[in-house]
Amino acid sequence: MLTLFDIRNSKTNKSVLPQTQENEKTAFFQNNATEVINEELNDIWAMIRETAEECCDGDIEDVRREKIGASFLKMTNMFSGEELDRVYTWSRYAKPAIHCCERPVPELVEYVNAENYIYLTRSMDNLSRSALKDGDANVIHNMEIFSEAVFMRILETINPNDIPACLALGKTAQRNREYAEAREWFSRITKTQETFTGITALLACYEDETKYFLSKCKDGRHFNRYANGKVKDLNRMQCSVYKKWCAFYEERIEQANDGADQLKKEYVSLATRYARFERNRGNCEKALDILKSIPETYPEIHRVYAEEAMVYQFKPYMNCYYDIEKAIATFIKADDAFTSSGENEKYDAKGRKCILMPLANAYFHVGKYEEAAKVCDVVLSIDRREERAKALKKRIYRIAA
């Protein structure tokens, strides 16, 4: 009978084993891999519990990292990658590592290669979700550092344009309010085949940073001039992003002629977002110019009509386009476009709420309570938990009573 020692040595010894020994080796792996790995992991968790009461200084962490790394390396010498992956070995070792080590275990990071990185990053995503659900701040912090090390390895040694890695590193930087670094990662995605993913992430980063500085525009009763100036700069930069990429899509669509439906959809999404950005800044004329420049033959035109209606419904100071009746007519137009287009059958019906709830509010605003209630009923038939529709119906009932 082969021992673990024999099998480990056979991985480095290139001599050919007899067929009976090969079969025996395979059976041994299948019957014993899980048991061996479980025993190793039980020892690691026991070590973590034993050292839990000790001061978690650098020396203790080094001992833990060394033990986890040595154990994982021993498993990689005993079993093949396929056999390890079959019982989720990498993620099972990563879990205790992030529970007790701030610095990543190098053996776990270096195990990631061109053949397994897609599978392993999926496992890492599940591990990250679990850490967030548990809510331990130290574990979440360690998980973030470990993920960053893995994604950097992917970009540096496997695929320099890996989109999930760039996206993950950018989002981590954004959460840490390292906005300039986040934009660098997202801009990197715009140079890949997933241009639109990079653009939307980049714009979301600008919006997040703008919200942050808007919250800082008032320090007590004292106006923060720096924060206000920063918001203006961010608005200018965000506007330049919209202009650049809208022009990019217009050129691509023109060059593509037929068969450019996906480009047109992405353009509609980007342009309507641009119009919303201008509307929120009070530039209603600019918002309408953007929307009216989009051909009505483009897919998902309901998005354009809905945004146009929002301009007519928007009532800030000095909006000369404010017209609630026109808003109602345009919302109806948007809903008709949504429901009549065959391509929208694949849409989640809840997407209609973005059209119907503003329509219901518009009806309510002009005193057409019966029409508002009917629209609320349609919304609730789509999503019976929609609190906005329930609240509006209660207001209608109170008025009617």
Protein backbone atom coordinates (compact mmCIF):
# COMPACT_ATOMS: atom_id res chain seq x y z
CA MET A 1 0.00 0.00 0.00
CA LEU A 2 1.32 3.45 -0.90
CA THR A 3 1.88 5.91 1.93
CA LEU A 4 1.47 9.68 1.79
CA PHE A 5 5.24 9.95 1.84
CA ASP A 6 5.50 7.69 -1.22
CA ILE A 7 2.88 9.68 -3.10
CA ARG A 8 4.44 13.05 -2.25
CA ASN A 9 7.79 11.84 -3.56
CA SER A 10 6.16 10.42 -6.68
CA LYS A 11 5.08 13.94 -7.68
CA THR A 12 8.68 15.07 -7.98
CA ASN A 13 9.98 11.75 -9.32
CA LYS A 14 9.16 11.61 -13.03
CA SER A 15 9.59 7.82 -13.33
CA VAL A 16 6.54 6.00 -14.65
CA LEU A 17 4.61 3.98 -12.09
CA PRO A 18 3.10 0.60 -13.01
CA GLN A 19 -0.60 0.78 -13.89
CA THR A 20 -1.64 -1.03 -10.71
CA GLN A 21 0.22 1.53 -8.64
CA GLU A 22 -1.37 4.38 -10.59
CA ASN A 23 -4.81 2.95 -9.85
CA GLU A 24 -3.90 2.52 -6.23
CA LYS A 25 -2.66 6.07 -6.07
CA THR A 26 -5.90 7.43 -7.56
CA ALA A 27 -8.03 5.43 -5.14
CA PHE A 28 -5.87 6.57 -2.25
CA PHE A 29 -6.39 10.20 -3.18
CA GLN A 30 -10.12 9.83 -3.52
CA ASN A 31 -10.49 8.06 -0.18
CA ASN A 32 -8.03 10.04 1.91
CA ALA A 33 -7.59 13.60 0.55
CA THR A 34 -10.57 15.05 2.38
CA GLU A 35 -9.62 13.33 5.64
CA VAL A 36 -6.01 14.51 5.47
CA ILE A 37 -6.95 18.10 4.64
CA ASN A 38 -9.60 18.16 7.38
CA GLU A 39 -7.03 17.04 9.94
CA GLU A 40 -4.63 19.78 8.85
CA LEU A 41 -7.31 22.44 9.05
CA ASN A 42 -8.49 21.20 12.45
CA ASP A 43 -4.93 21.67 13.72
CA ILE A 44 -4.82 25.19 12.30
CA TRP A 45 -8.11 26.24 13.91
CA ALA A 46 -6.94 24.71 17.19
CA MET A 47 -3.76 26.78 16.98
CA ILE A 48 -5.82 29.93 16.36
CA ARG A 49 -8.00 29.22 19.39
CA GLU A 50 -4.98 28.48 21.58
CA THR A 51 -3.32 31.78 20.68
CA ALA A 52 -6.53 33.83 20.75
CA GLU A 53 -5.89 35.11 24.29
CA GLU A 54 -2.29 36.06 23.54
CA CYS A 55 -1.31 39.52 22.52
CA CYS A 56 -1.62 39.61 18.73
CA ASP A 57 1.75 41.17 18.05
CA GLY A 58 3.89 40.64 14.96
CA ASP A 59 5.58 37.53 16.34
CA ILE A 60 2.28 35.72 16.98
CA GLU A 61 1.02 36.61 13.52
CA ASP A 62 4.26 35.38 11.95
CA VAL A 63 3.85 32.03 13.69
CA ARG A 64 0.28 31.72 12.44
CA ARG A 65 1.18 32.70 8.88
CA GLU A 66 4.09 30.27 8.85
CA LYS A 67 1.96 27.38 10.11
CA ILE A 68 -0.86 28.04 7.63
CA GLY A 69 1.57 28.47 4.74
CA ALA A 70 3.58 25.36 5.59
CA SER A 71 0.44 23.26 5.93
CA PHE A 72 -1.00 24.47 2.62
CA LEU A 73 2.33 23.87 0.89
CA LYS A 74 2.38 20.34 2.28
CA MET A 75 -1.06 19.73 0.77
CA THR A 76 0.06 21.02 -2.64
CA ASN A 77 2.98 18.58 -2.52
CA MET A 78 0.70 15.68 -1.64
CA PHE A 79 -2.18 16.33 -4.02
CA SER A 80 -2.74 17.75 -7.48
CA GLY A 81 -4.49 21.05 -8.08
CA GLU A 82 -7.57 19.26 -9.32
CA GLU A 83 -7.73 17.15 -6.17
CA LEU A 84 -7.27 20.21 -3.96
CA ASP A 85 -9.93 22.17 -5.80
CA ARG A 86 -12.38 19.28 -5.56
CA VAL A 87 -12.64 19.85 -1.80
CA TYR A 88 -12.26 23.68 -1.94
CA THR A 89 -8.88 23.49 -0.21
CA TRP A 90 -7.65 26.98 -1.13
CA SER A 91 -10.67 28.85 0.20
CA ARG A 92 -10.78 26.63 3.29
CA TYR A 93 -7.21 27.66 4.09
CA ALA A 94 -7.89 31.28 3.22
CA LYS A 95 -10.69 31.43 5.80
CA PRO A 96 -8.50 30.84 8.90
CA ALA A 97 -5.80 33.01 7.32
CA ILE A 98 -8.04 36.08 7.17
CA HIS A 99 -9.33 35.37 10.68
CA CYS A 100 -5.91 35.59 12.28
CA CYS A 101 -3.51 37.31 9.87
CA GLU A 102 -3.53 40.89 8.64
CA ARG A 103 -0.80 40.21 6.11
CA PRO A 104 -1.61 37.69 3.36
CA VAL A 105 -0.13 34.19 3.57
CA PRO A 106 2.29 34.12 0.61
CA GLU A 107 1.78 30.43 -0.17
CA LEU A 108 -1.95 31.08 -0.74
CA VAL A 109 -1.31 34.06 -2.98
CA GLU A 110 1.39 32.30 -5.00
CA TYR A 111 -0.88 29.30 -5.60
CA VAL A 112 -3.01 31.47 -7.93
CA ASN A 113 -2.02 30.80 -11.54
CA ALA A 114 -3.31 31.08 -15.09
CA GLU A 115 -5.18 27.78 -14.87
CA ASN A 116 -7.06 28.35 -11.62
CA TYR A 117 -7.39 32.11 -11.08
CA ILE A 118 -10.94 32.40 -12.41
CA TYR A 119 -12.17 29.58 -10.20
CA LEU A 120 -10.25 30.83 -7.16
CA THR A 121 -11.46 34.43 -7.44
CA ARG A 122 -15.03 33.14 -7.46
CA SER A 123 -14.27 31.26 -4.26
CA MET A 124 -12.68 34.41 -2.85
CA ASP A 125 -15.80 36.39 -3.69
CA ASN A 126 -17.91 33.92 -1.71
CA LEU A 127 -15.47 34.16 1.19
CA SER A 128 -15.69 37.95 1.09
CA ARG A 129 -19.49 37.85 1.17
CA SER A 130 -19.35 35.55 4.17
CA ALA A 131 -16.95 37.90 5.97
CA LEU A 132 -19.20 40.88 5.32
CA LYS A 133 -22.22 38.95 6.56
CA ASP A 134 -20.44 38.00 9.80
CA GLY A 135 -19.55 41.65 10.34
CA ASP A 136 -16.19 41.21 12.10
CA ALA A 137 -14.29 44.42 11.28
CA ASN A 138 -10.84 42.79 11.61
CA VAL A 139 -11.76 39.89 9.34
CA ILE A 140 -13.26 42.25 6.75
CA HIS A 141 -10.08 44.35 6.86
CA ASN A 142 -7.86 41.27 6.47
CA MET A 143 -10.05 39.97 3.64
CA GLU A 144 -9.65 43.24 1.79
CA ILE A 145 -5.86 43.08 2.05
CA PHE A 146 -5.81 39.43 0.99
CA SER A 147 -8.08 40.12 -2.01
CA GLU A 148 -5.89 43.02 -3.09
CA ALA A 149 -2.79 40.79 -3.00
CA VAL A 150 -4.52 38.12 -5.10
CA PHE A 151 -5.81 40.60 -7.67
CA MET A 152 -2.42 42.29 -7.94
CA ARG A 153 -0.83 38.89 -8.59
CA ILE A 154 -3.35 38.27 -11.37
CA LEU A 155 -2.60 41.62 -13.01
CA GLU A 156 1.17 41.36 -12.59
CA THR A 157 1.74 37.72 -13.55
CA ILE A 158 -1.33 36.36 -15.37
CA ASN A 159 -3.50 38.92 -17.14
CA PRO A 160 -2.61 42.64 -17.00
CA ASN A 161 -6.09 43.56 -18.29
CA ASP A 162 -8.19 41.28 -16.11
CA ILE A 163 -11.44 43.20 -15.76
CA PRO A 164 -12.74 41.70 -12.47
CA ALA A 165 -9.36 42.40 -10.85
CA CYS A 166 -9.31 46.02 -12.00
CA LEU A 167 -12.92 46.47 -10.96
CA ALA A 168 -12.34 44.94 -7.52
CA LEU A 169 -9.21 47.00 -6.85
CA GLY A 170 -11.00 50.14 -7.99
CA LYS A 171 -13.99 49.52 -5.73
CA THR A 172 -11.71 48.83 -2.78
CA ALA A 173 -9.90 52.12 -3.36
CA GLN A 174 -13.25 53.90 -3.72
CA ARG A 175 -14.53 52.49 -0.42
CA ASN A 176 -11.34 53.77 1.21
CA ARG A 177 -11.94 57.18 -0.41
CA GLU A 178 -8.78 56.85 -2.46
CA TYR A 179 -10.68 58.21 -5.43
CA ALA A 180 -7.74 59.05 -7.69
CA GLU A 181 -6.45 55.48 -7.45
CA ALA A 182 -9.95 54.10 -8.04
CA ARG A 183 -10.30 56.16 -11.22
CA GLU A 184 -7.00 54.80 -12.50
CA TRP A 185 -8.26 51.23 -12.18
CA PHE A 186 -11.62 52.04 -13.78
CA SER A 187 -9.95 53.97 -16.61
CA ARG A 188 -7.85 50.88 -17.29
CA ILE A 189 -11.07 48.92 -17.95
CA THR A 190 -12.20 51.46 -20.56
CA LYS A 191 -9.24 50.35 -22.69
CA THR A 192 -10.44 46.73 -22.76
CA GLN A 193 -13.34 45.08 -24.57
CA GLU A 194 -15.56 45.98 -21.59
CA THR A 195 -15.45 49.72 -22.24
CA PHE A 196 -18.93 50.40 -20.91
CA THR A 197 -18.19 48.65 -17.60
CA GLY A 198 -15.23 50.95 -17.09
CA ILE A 199 -17.19 54.08 -17.99
CA THR A 200 -20.05 53.35 -15.60
CA ALA A 201 -17.64 52.51 -12.78
CA LEU A 202 -15.69 55.70 -13.45
CA LEU A 203 -18.84 57.84 -13.36
CA ALA A 204 -20.07 56.14 -10.17
CA CYS A 205 -16.71 56.94 -8.58
CA TYR A 206 -17.07 60.62 -9.48
CA GLU A 207 -20.61 60.65 -8.08
CA ASP A 208 -19.47 59.03 -4.83
CA GLU A 209 -16.64 61.54 -4.40
CA THR A 210 -19.00 64.43 -5.18
CA LYS A 211 -21.45 63.26 -2.51
CA TYR A 212 -18.60 63.01 -0.03
CA PHE A 213 -17.49 66.60 -0.61
CA LEU A 214 -21.07 67.88 -0.67
CA SER A 215 -21.43 66.49 2.84
CA LYS A 216 -18.34 68.52 3.77
CA CYS A 217 -19.55 71.78 2.20
CA LYS A 218 -20.82 72.94 5.58
CA ASP A 219 -18.81 72.67 8.75
CA GLY A 220 -21.33 73.66 11.37
CA ARG A 221 -22.48 77.07 10.28
CA HIS A 222 -19.24 77.86 8.45
CA PHE A 223 -19.09 77.41 4.68
CA ASN A 224 -16.25 75.16 3.55
CA ARG A 225 -14.85 76.85 0.46
CA TYR A 226 -12.42 74.06 -0.33
CA ALA A 227 -15.16 71.42 -0.42
CA ASN A 228 -17.37 73.64 -2.57
CA GLY A 229 -14.53 74.23 -5.01
CA LYS A 230 -13.78 70.52 -5.09
CA VAL A 231 -17.41 69.75 -5.99
CA LYS A 232 -17.23 72.19 -8.89
CA ASP A 233 -14.01 70.60 -10.13
CA LEU A 234 -15.54 67.13 -9.91
CA ASN A 235 -18.59 68.28 -11.85
CA ARG A 236 -16.36 69.63 -14.61
CA MET A 237 -14.37 66.39 -14.76
CA GLN A 238 -17.52 64.28 -14.77
CA CYS A 239 -18.96 66.40 -17.58
CA SER A 240 -15.80 65.85 -19.63
CA VAL A 241 -16.17 62.08 -19.16
CA TYR A 242 -19.73 62.20 -20.46
CA LYS A 243 -18.77 64.30 -23.47
CA LYS A 244 -15.78 62.14 -24.35
CA TRP A 245 -17.58 58.81 -24.21
CA CYS A 246 -20.82 59.97 -25.80
CA ALA A 247 -18.73 61.17 -28.75
CA PHE A 248 -16.89 57.84 -28.75
CA TYR A 249 -20.17 55.91 -29.02
CA GLU A 250 -21.58 58.19 -31.68
CA GLU A 251 -18.48 57.56 -33.80
CA ARG A 252 -18.54 53.81 -33.21
CA ILE A 253 -22.24 53.57 -34.10
CA GLU A 254 -21.70 55.53 -37.30
CA GLN A 255 -18.83 53.26 -38.30
CA ALA A 256 -20.77 50.10 -37.44
CA ASN A 257 -23.84 51.00 -39.53
CA ASP A 258 -26.01 47.86 -39.23
CA GLY A 259 -25.72 45.45 -36.33
CA ALA A 260 -24.83 48.07 -33.72
CA ASP A 261 -27.70 47.37 -31.32
CA GLN A 262 -25.47 46.75 -28.29
CA LEU A 263 -23.55 49.95 -28.96
CA LYS A 264 -26.82 51.85 -29.26
CA LYS A 265 -28.13 50.43 -25.98
CA GLU A 266 -24.96 51.44 -24.17
CA TYR A 267 -25.12 54.87 -25.78
CA VAL A 268 -28.74 55.37 -24.69
CA SER A 269 -27.83 54.36 -21.14
CA LEU A 270 -24.86 56.75 -21.09
CA ALA A 271 -26.66 59.66 -22.73
CA THR A 272 -29.72 59.47 -20.48
CA ARG A 273 -27.40 59.38 -17.49
CA TYR A 274 -25.66 62.46 -18.86
CA ALA A 275 -29.02 64.22 -19.23
CA ARG A 276 -29.90 63.36 -15.62
CA PHE A 277 -26.56 64.76 -14.50
CA GLU A 278 -27.26 68.06 -16.26
CA ARG A 279 -30.84 68.21 -14.97
CA ASN A 280 -29.68 67.73 -11.40
CA ARG A 281 -27.29 70.64 -11.90
CA GLY A 282 -30.20 72.79 -13.08
CA ASN A 283 -29.15 72.72 -16.76
CA CYS A 284 -32.56 71.62 -18.06
CA GLU A 285 -32.00 73.04 -21.53
CA LYS A 286 -28.80 71.05 -21.91
CA ALA A 287 -30.55 67.92 -20.62
CA LEU A 288 -33.31 68.23 -23.24
CA ASP A 289 -30.77 68.87 -26.01
CA ILE A 290 -29.00 65.62 -25.12
CA LEU A 291 -32.23 63.64 -25.04
CA LYS A 292 -33.65 65.04 -28.25
CA SER A 293 -30.41 64.22 -30.11
CA ILE A 294 -31.01 60.47 -29.54
CA PRO A 295 -32.82 58.91 -32.54
CA GLU A 296 -36.24 57.49 -31.69
CA THR A 297 -35.32 54.33 -33.61
CA TYR A 298 -32.70 53.38 -31.00
CA PRO A 299 -33.42 50.45 -28.66
CA GLU A 300 -34.64 51.18 -25.14
CA ILE A 301 -36.04 54.55 -26.24
CA HIS A 302 -38.37 54.41 -23.22
CA ARG A 303 -35.37 55.51 -21.13
CA VAL A 304 -35.13 58.68 -23.19
CA TYR A 305 -38.84 59.52 -22.84
CA ALA A 306 -38.76 58.87 -19.10
CA GLU A 307 -35.79 61.21 -18.62
CA GLU A 308 -37.48 63.85 -20.77
CA ALA A 309 -40.61 63.61 -18.59
CA MET A 310 -38.47 64.06 -15.49
CA VAL A 311 -37.19 67.36 -16.90
CA TYR A 312 -40.77 68.60 -17.32
CA GLN A 313 -41.57 67.43 -13.80
CA PHE A 314 -38.41 68.97 -12.30
CA LYS A 315 -39.21 72.14 -10.39
CA PRO A 316 -36.08 73.89 -9.21
CA TYR A 317 -35.70 77.65 -9.36
CA MET A 318 -35.98 79.03 -12.90
CA ASN A 319 -36.86 75.83 -14.83
CA CYS A 320 -38.67 77.34 -17.79
CA TYR A 321 -39.49 73.84 -19.06
CA TYR A 322 -41.59 72.88 -16.05
CA ASP A 323 -44.94 71.52 -17.34
CA ILE A 324 -46.64 68.81 -15.29
CA GLU A 325 -49.21 67.98 -17.98
CA LYS A 326 -46.42 67.53 -20.50
CA ALA A 327 -44.61 65.35 -18.00
CA ILE A 328 -47.68 63.12 -17.68
CA ALA A 329 -48.02 62.78 -21.46
CA THR A 330 -44.33 61.92 -21.81
CA PHE A 331 -44.39 59.35 -18.99
CA ILE A 332 -47.33 57.66 -20.76
CA LYS A 333 -45.30 57.72 -23.97
CA ALA A 334 -42.38 56.09 -22.14
CA ASP A 335 -44.58 53.36 -20.68
CA ASP A 336 -46.13 52.65 -24.09
CA ALA A 337 -42.64 52.33 -25.59
CA PHE A 338 -41.59 50.00 -22.78
CA THR A 339 -44.57 47.67 -23.03
CA SER A 340 -44.93 47.63 -26.81
CA SER A 341 -41.32 46.84 -27.67
CA GLY A 342 -40.71 43.10 -28.04
CA GLU A 343 -37.12 43.50 -26.89
CA ASN A 344 -38.35 44.54 -23.45
CA GLU A 345 -39.96 41.17 -22.78
CA LYS A 346 -36.66 40.06 -21.28
CA TYR A 347 -36.66 43.00 -18.87
CA ASP A 348 -37.60 42.58 -15.28
CA ALA A 349 -41.10 44.06 -15.08
CA LYS A 350 -40.03 46.00 -12.00
CA GLY A 351 -38.15 48.31 -14.35
CA ARG A 352 -41.52 49.85 -15.21
CA LYS A 353 -41.67 51.29 -11.72
CA CYS A 354 -39.14 53.93 -12.77
CA ILE A 355 -41.77 55.20 -15.19
CA LEU A 356 -45.01 54.48 -13.33
CA MET A 357 -44.20 55.89 -9.89
CA PRO A 358 -43.28 59.38 -11.20
CA LEU A 359 -46.42 59.19 -13.38
CA ALA A 360 -48.58 58.40 -10.35
CA ASN A 361 -47.02 61.29 -8.43
CA ALA A 362 -47.64 63.63 -11.34
CA TYR A 363 -51.30 62.63 -11.50
CA PHE A 364 -51.60 63.18 -7.75
CA HIS A 365 -49.94 66.59 -8.03
CA VAL A 366 -52.57 67.87 -10.49
CA GLY A 367 -55.47 66.39 -8.50
CA LYS A 368 -56.19 63.41 -10.76
CA TYR A 369 -56.51 61.03 -7.82
CA GLU A 370 -58.39 58.26 -9.59
CA GLU A 371 -55.73 58.04 -12.31
CA ALA A 372 -52.97 58.11 -9.67
CA ALA A 373 -54.61 55.25 -7.77
CA LYS A 374 -54.92 53.14 -10.93
CA VAL A 375 -51.24 53.60 -11.71
CA CYS A 376 -50.39 52.62 -8.12
CA ASP A 377 -52.42 49.44 -8.58
CA VAL A 378 -50.36 48.59 -11.67
CA VAL A 379 -47.17 49.17 -9.70
CA LEU A 380 -48.39 46.92 -6.88
CA SER A 381 -49.31 44.22 -9.38
CA ILE A 382 -45.66 44.31 -10.43
CA ASP A 383 -44.24 44.55 -6.92
CA ARG A 384 -46.71 44.15 -4.07
CA ARG A 385 -44.07 45.37 -1.58
CA GLU A 386 -43.58 48.77 -3.24
CA GLU A 387 -43.94 51.12 -0.26
CA ARG A 388 -44.15 54.29 -2.35
CA ALA A 389 -47.28 53.07 -4.12
CA LYS A 390 -48.85 52.00 -0.81
CA ALA A 391 -48.10 55.37 0.78
CA LEU A 392 -49.51 57.32 -2.17
CA LYS A 393 -52.73 55.27 -2.14
CA LYS A 394 -53.16 56.03 1.57
CA ARG A 395 -52.83 59.74 0.85
CA ILE A 396 -55.44 59.41 -1.91
CA TYR A 397 -57.85 57.58 0.41
CA ARG A 398 -57.43 60.25 3.10
CA ILE A 399 -58.27 63.00 0.60
CA ALA A 400 -61.25 61.05 -0.77
CA ALA A 401 -62.58 60.49 2.75
